[in-house]
Amino acid sequence: MTFAPAFPVPSLPATAFRRSWLAEALVNRAAGEQFFALLKRLNPDRARRVGAGRPLPAFEAVLAELPFPTESDYLVEQVLCGETDLEDMWHWGIPVDVQGYHPDYGSDALLVAACTCRDDMTPGEEYTPHAELMAWVKTWWRPAGELAPVRPPRGREFVSPWHALPELQRYVRQTIGNDWLDMNFEDMDGAANPPWSAAEIRSLARMWRQAKPIAQRVDALARFVDEEPRERLPILDRALRGDRETLEQITRRKAQPLWKSFSRMHR
């Protein structure tokens, strides 16, 4: 007994490969022209150096003009390997690499801060390469409940790098007020990337200029705590809970303006 195939098997003409290759080349050329037109708006000098009619160099040059985090290296590799084409790159939009907090980022300081400041995370439940350290954290960590924004005591200011503590608290809560730092890679799943346009790129660049120094301050504080975790993680946790003694420890008296000191001397 023999079985016929469920669907007829087509026989491809000898020219099919040549036609499909030509269609792909035309698609890449059309998308390359769009990227080249965008490059001329972003940087006319670079566009002249690249020259028209070079789709992939135009795409790479546009990516080089993006002054904010992107997944550019991965995307260029995908195009070079033939996994995707330039038309897809154009339709997918600007490949932003948002920097919002996620437990997978690996900082124990950020993980403990997130567990203290949020009600959806607990030490030990989230993955960390430092399981032994988190087991130690669980011996003293307790749920904090609703916490007020952390502030230095009256008349005092945080010393460096603890001056980033209020920003770190908002960062792990994803409430900075800037999409670059309030969205993480999971939030982008299923979301549309911003469309390719000079105006959109300038808007994203402006937002990143505001977000970048915040991210750097938060990263500096997290790295500082991570350097001596058994000493500094409890300090971080108590400070976020508003413990007065701990806040005194990581702050100093505000310096008086010179004109105030001078006026007191001559009263």
Protein backbone atom coordinates (compact mmCIF):
# COMPACT_ATOMS: atom_id res chain seq x y z
CA MET A 1 0.00 0.00 0.00
CA THR A 2 1.30 3.44 -0.87
CA PHE A 3 0.29 6.84 0.44
CA ALA A 4 0.05 9.90 -1.69
CA PRO A 5 1.55 13.07 -0.24
CA ALA A 6 -0.96 15.24 1.62
CA PHE A 7 -0.05 18.23 -0.54
CA PRO A 8 1.40 18.32 -4.05
CA VAL A 9 5.15 18.81 -4.07
CA PRO A 10 6.03 21.70 -6.41
CA SER A 11 8.98 21.47 -8.73
CA LEU A 12 10.94 24.73 -8.74
CA PRO A 13 12.19 26.12 -12.03
CA ALA A 14 15.92 26.51 -12.43
CA THR A 15 15.60 30.31 -12.29
CA ALA A 16 13.82 30.35 -8.88
CA PHE A 17 16.98 30.89 -6.86
CA ARG A 18 18.11 33.67 -9.15
CA ARG A 19 14.74 35.41 -8.88
CA SER A 20 14.60 35.07 -5.08
CA TRP A 21 18.12 36.44 -4.79
CA LEU A 22 17.18 39.36 -7.03
CA ALA A 23 14.06 40.09 -4.97
CA GLU A 24 16.13 40.11 -1.76
CA ALA A 25 18.67 42.41 -3.35
CA LEU A 26 15.93 44.82 -4.42
CA VAL A 27 14.41 44.79 -0.92
CA ASN A 28 17.79 45.54 0.67
CA ARG A 29 18.44 48.30 -1.86
CA ALA A 30 15.09 49.96 -1.14
CA ALA A 31 15.63 49.77 2.63
CA GLY A 32 19.23 50.92 2.15
CA GLU A 33 17.96 54.02 0.38
CA GLN A 34 15.72 54.78 3.36
CA PHE A 35 18.63 54.40 5.78
CA PHE A 36 20.83 56.53 3.52
CA ALA A 37 18.19 59.30 3.40
CA LEU A 38 18.02 59.20 7.21
CA LEU A 39 21.82 59.31 7.44
CA LYS A 40 21.88 62.46 5.29
CA ARG A 41 19.59 64.14 7.82
CA LEU A 42 21.62 62.98 10.82
CA ASN A 43 25.12 63.56 9.48
CA PRO A 44 25.53 64.81 5.89
CA ASP A 45 29.33 64.52 6.04
CA ARG A 46 29.21 60.85 7.00
CA ALA A 47 26.59 60.26 4.30
CA ARG A 48 28.94 61.70 1.67
CA ARG A 49 31.73 59.42 2.88
CA VAL A 50 29.48 56.35 2.77
CA GLY A 51 27.99 57.20 -0.61
CA ALA A 52 24.67 56.18 -2.13
CA GLY A 53 23.90 52.66 -3.29
CA ARG A 54 25.62 50.89 -0.37
CA PRO A 55 22.78 49.50 1.79
CA LEU A 56 24.70 47.78 4.59
CA PRO A 57 27.28 50.57 5.12
CA ALA A 58 24.39 53.07 5.24
CA PHE A 59 22.65 50.95 7.90
CA GLU A 60 25.84 50.62 9.96
CA ALA A 61 26.50 54.36 9.65
CA VAL A 62 23.01 55.18 10.95
CA LEU A 63 23.56 52.87 13.93
CA ALA A 64 26.86 54.66 14.63
CA GLU A 65 24.93 57.96 14.83
CA LEU A 66 22.71 56.75 17.69
CA PRO A 67 24.07 58.35 20.90
CA PHE A 68 22.25 55.98 23.27
CA PRO A 69 22.29 52.24 24.10
CA THR A 70 21.23 49.99 21.22
CA GLU A 71 21.52 46.37 20.15
CA SER A 72 23.42 47.44 17.06
CA ASP A 73 26.19 44.80 17.10
CA TYR A 74 23.69 41.97 17.32
CA LEU A 75 21.55 43.36 14.51
CA VAL A 76 24.46 43.88 12.13
CA GLU A 77 25.52 40.30 12.80
CA GLN A 78 21.98 39.10 12.00
CA VAL A 79 22.04 40.92 8.65
CA LEU A 80 25.52 39.67 7.78
CA CYS A 81 24.54 36.07 8.62
CA GLY A 82 21.42 36.33 6.49
CA GLU A 83 19.10 35.79 9.46
CA THR A 84 17.19 38.92 8.52
CA ASP A 85 17.35 41.73 5.96
CA LEU A 86 17.42 45.50 5.95
CA GLU A 87 13.72 45.79 5.21
CA ASP A 88 13.01 43.99 8.51
CA MET A 89 15.45 46.31 10.26
CA TRP A 90 13.54 49.30 8.94
CA HIS A 91 10.14 47.95 9.96
CA TRP A 92 11.32 46.87 13.40
CA GLY A 93 12.32 50.41 14.25
CA ILE A 94 15.16 51.85 16.35
CA PRO A 95 16.75 48.97 18.33
CA VAL A 96 16.76 50.67 21.74
CA ASP A 97 18.44 48.83 24.61
CA VAL A 98 16.52 50.08 27.65
CA GLN A 99 18.37 50.09 30.96
CA GLY A 100 15.61 49.65 33.56
CA TYR A 101 16.18 47.42 36.58
CA HIS A 102 15.85 43.66 36.25
CA PRO A 103 16.99 41.01 38.78
CA ASP A 104 19.08 39.29 36.11
CA TYR A 105 21.52 42.22 36.03
CA GLY A 106 23.54 40.54 38.80
CA SER A 107 24.15 43.28 41.36
CA ASP A 108 23.46 42.05 44.89
CA ALA A 109 23.08 45.65 46.07
CA LEU A 110 20.31 46.30 43.55
CA LEU A 111 18.66 42.96 44.32
CA VAL A 112 18.52 43.60 48.08
CA ALA A 113 17.34 47.18 47.47
CA ALA A 114 14.59 45.92 45.17
CA CYS A 115 13.47 43.33 47.72
CA THR A 116 13.35 46.01 50.42
CA CYS A 117 11.57 48.65 48.32
CA ARG A 118 9.10 46.44 46.44
CA ASP A 119 6.49 43.92 47.53
CA ASP A 120 6.95 41.50 44.61
CA MET A 121 10.50 40.30 45.37
CA THR A 122 12.17 38.36 48.17
CA PRO A 123 15.86 37.46 48.64
CA GLY A 124 16.48 33.92 47.51
CA GLU A 125 13.51 33.79 45.14
CA GLU A 126 15.33 35.66 42.39
CA TYR A 127 18.29 34.15 40.56
CA THR A 128 21.74 35.31 41.62
CA PRO A 129 25.17 33.77 41.08
CA HIS A 130 25.88 34.49 44.74
CA ALA A 131 23.46 32.05 46.34
CA GLU A 132 25.54 31.74 49.50
CA LEU A 133 25.48 35.51 50.02
CA MET A 134 21.70 35.63 49.54
CA ALA A 135 21.31 32.80 52.05
CA TRP A 136 23.15 35.02 54.54
CA VAL A 137 20.96 38.02 53.62
CA LYS A 138 17.85 35.96 54.38
CA THR A 139 19.04 35.49 57.99
CA TRP A 140 18.50 39.18 58.77
CA TRP A 141 16.31 40.61 55.99
CA ARG A 142 12.63 41.23 56.76
CA PRO A 143 9.81 42.59 54.55
CA ALA A 144 9.70 46.36 54.84
CA GLY A 145 6.13 47.19 53.83
CA GLU A 146 5.35 50.62 52.41
CA LEU A 147 8.45 52.82 52.51
CA ALA A 148 8.60 56.58 52.15
CA PRO A 149 11.13 58.11 49.74
CA VAL A 150 14.52 58.06 51.45
CA ARG A 151 15.92 61.46 52.45
CA PRO A 152 18.89 62.67 54.53
CA PRO A 153 18.14 63.99 58.02
CA ARG A 154 17.35 67.69 58.28
CA GLY A 155 20.39 69.90 57.75
CA ARG A 156 22.49 67.03 56.41
CA GLU A 157 23.47 65.68 52.99
CA PHE A 158 24.54 62.27 51.74
CA VAL A 159 28.25 61.64 51.29
CA SER A 160 29.48 60.11 48.03
CA PRO A 161 28.53 57.59 46.72
CA TRP A 162 25.50 57.44 49.04
CA HIS A 163 24.17 60.64 47.46
CA ALA A 164 22.66 58.36 44.79
CA LEU A 165 20.54 56.49 47.35
CA PRO A 166 17.24 58.28 46.54
CA GLU A 167 17.83 57.62 42.83
CA LEU A 168 18.72 53.98 43.50
CA GLN A 169 15.45 53.58 45.39
CA ARG A 170 13.47 54.98 42.48
CA TYR A 171 15.52 52.95 40.00
CA VAL A 172 14.70 49.56 41.54
CA ARG A 173 11.07 50.66 41.78
CA GLN A 174 11.21 51.73 38.12
CA THR A 175 9.84 55.17 38.98
CA ILE A 176 12.69 57.43 37.83
CA GLY A 177 10.37 59.15 35.34
CA ASN A 178 12.49 58.37 32.29
CA ASP A 179 11.66 55.44 30.00
CA TRP A 180 15.33 54.57 29.53
CA LEU A 181 15.55 53.67 33.24
CA ASP A 182 11.93 52.69 33.95
CA MET A 183 11.67 49.96 31.29
CA ASN A 184 13.70 46.76 31.11
CA PHE A 185 14.12 44.16 28.38
CA GLU A 186 11.09 42.17 29.56
CA ASP A 187 8.91 45.29 29.36
CA MET A 188 9.94 45.60 25.72
CA ASP A 189 8.74 42.10 24.82
CA GLY A 190 5.89 42.57 22.37
CA ALA A 191 6.29 46.36 22.41
CA ALA A 192 7.01 48.31 19.24
CA ASN A 193 10.38 50.00 18.89
CA PRO A 194 10.38 53.73 18.10
CA PRO A 195 10.13 54.34 14.34
CA TRP A 196 13.16 55.41 12.33
CA SER A 197 13.15 59.18 12.03
CA ALA A 198 15.54 62.02 12.80
CA ALA A 199 13.03 63.58 15.20
CA GLU A 200 12.61 60.32 17.12
CA ILE A 201 16.37 59.84 17.37
CA ARG A 202 16.83 63.38 18.71
CA SER A 203 14.07 62.83 21.27
CA LEU A 204 15.62 59.55 22.45
CA ALA A 205 19.04 61.21 22.62
CA ARG A 206 17.66 64.03 24.75
CA MET A 207 16.05 61.56 27.16
CA TRP A 208 19.26 59.53 27.36
CA ARG A 209 21.31 62.64 28.19
CA GLN A 210 19.05 63.06 31.22
CA ALA A 211 19.10 59.35 32.13
CA LYS A 212 22.81 58.62 31.68
CA PRO A 213 24.19 60.55 34.71
CA ILE A 214 21.49 59.01 36.91
CA ALA A 215 22.42 55.52 35.70
CA GLN A 216 26.10 56.25 36.34
CA ARG A 217 25.45 57.43 39.92
CA VAL A 218 23.24 54.43 40.68
CA ASP A 219 25.83 52.07 39.19
CA ALA A 220 28.62 53.67 41.25
CA LEU A 221 26.68 53.18 44.49
CA ALA A 222 25.71 49.60 43.60
CA ARG A 223 29.34 48.71 42.78
CA PHE A 224 30.50 50.34 46.03
CA VAL A 225 28.11 48.19 48.09
CA ASP A 226 28.93 45.06 46.09
CA GLU A 227 32.65 45.47 46.86
CA GLU A 228 32.03 44.80 50.58
CA PRO A 229 28.59 43.16 50.63
CA ARG A 230 28.62 41.74 54.16
CA GLU A 231 29.46 45.14 55.60
CA ARG A 232 27.48 47.41 53.29
CA LEU A 233 24.32 45.47 52.35
CA PRO A 234 22.89 45.84 55.89
CA ILE A 235 23.71 49.57 55.79
CA LEU A 236 21.92 49.89 52.45
CA ASP A 237 18.90 48.01 53.74
CA ARG A 238 18.62 50.05 56.97
CA ALA A 239 19.09 53.34 55.12
CA LEU A 240 16.28 52.50 52.68
CA ARG A 241 14.04 51.74 55.68
CA GLY A 242 14.79 55.24 57.05
CA ASP A 243 16.83 54.15 60.07
CA ARG A 244 17.96 57.42 61.67
CA GLU A 245 21.30 56.17 63.03
CA THR A 246 22.26 54.68 59.67
CA LEU A 247 21.28 57.84 57.82
CA GLU A 248 23.47 59.86 60.19
CA GLN A 249 26.33 57.47 59.40
CA ILE A 250 26.18 58.05 55.64
CA THR A 251 25.52 61.81 55.73
CA ARG A 252 27.31 64.96 56.86
CA ARG A 253 26.32 68.45 57.93
CA LYS A 254 25.48 70.67 55.01
CA ALA A 255 28.15 73.28 54.37
CA GLN A 256 26.95 76.78 55.11
CA PRO A 257 27.18 79.30 52.25
CA LEU A 258 30.03 81.73 52.81
CA TRP A 259 27.71 84.74 52.93
CA LYS A 260 25.76 83.17 55.84
CA SER A 261 28.91 82.50 57.84
CA PHE A 262 30.10 86.04 57.16
CA SER A 263 26.78 87.60 58.26
CA ARG A 264 26.87 85.67 61.59
CA MET A 265 30.37 86.98 62.32
CA HIS A 266 29.18 90.58 61.97
CA ARG A 267 25.93 90.49 63.88
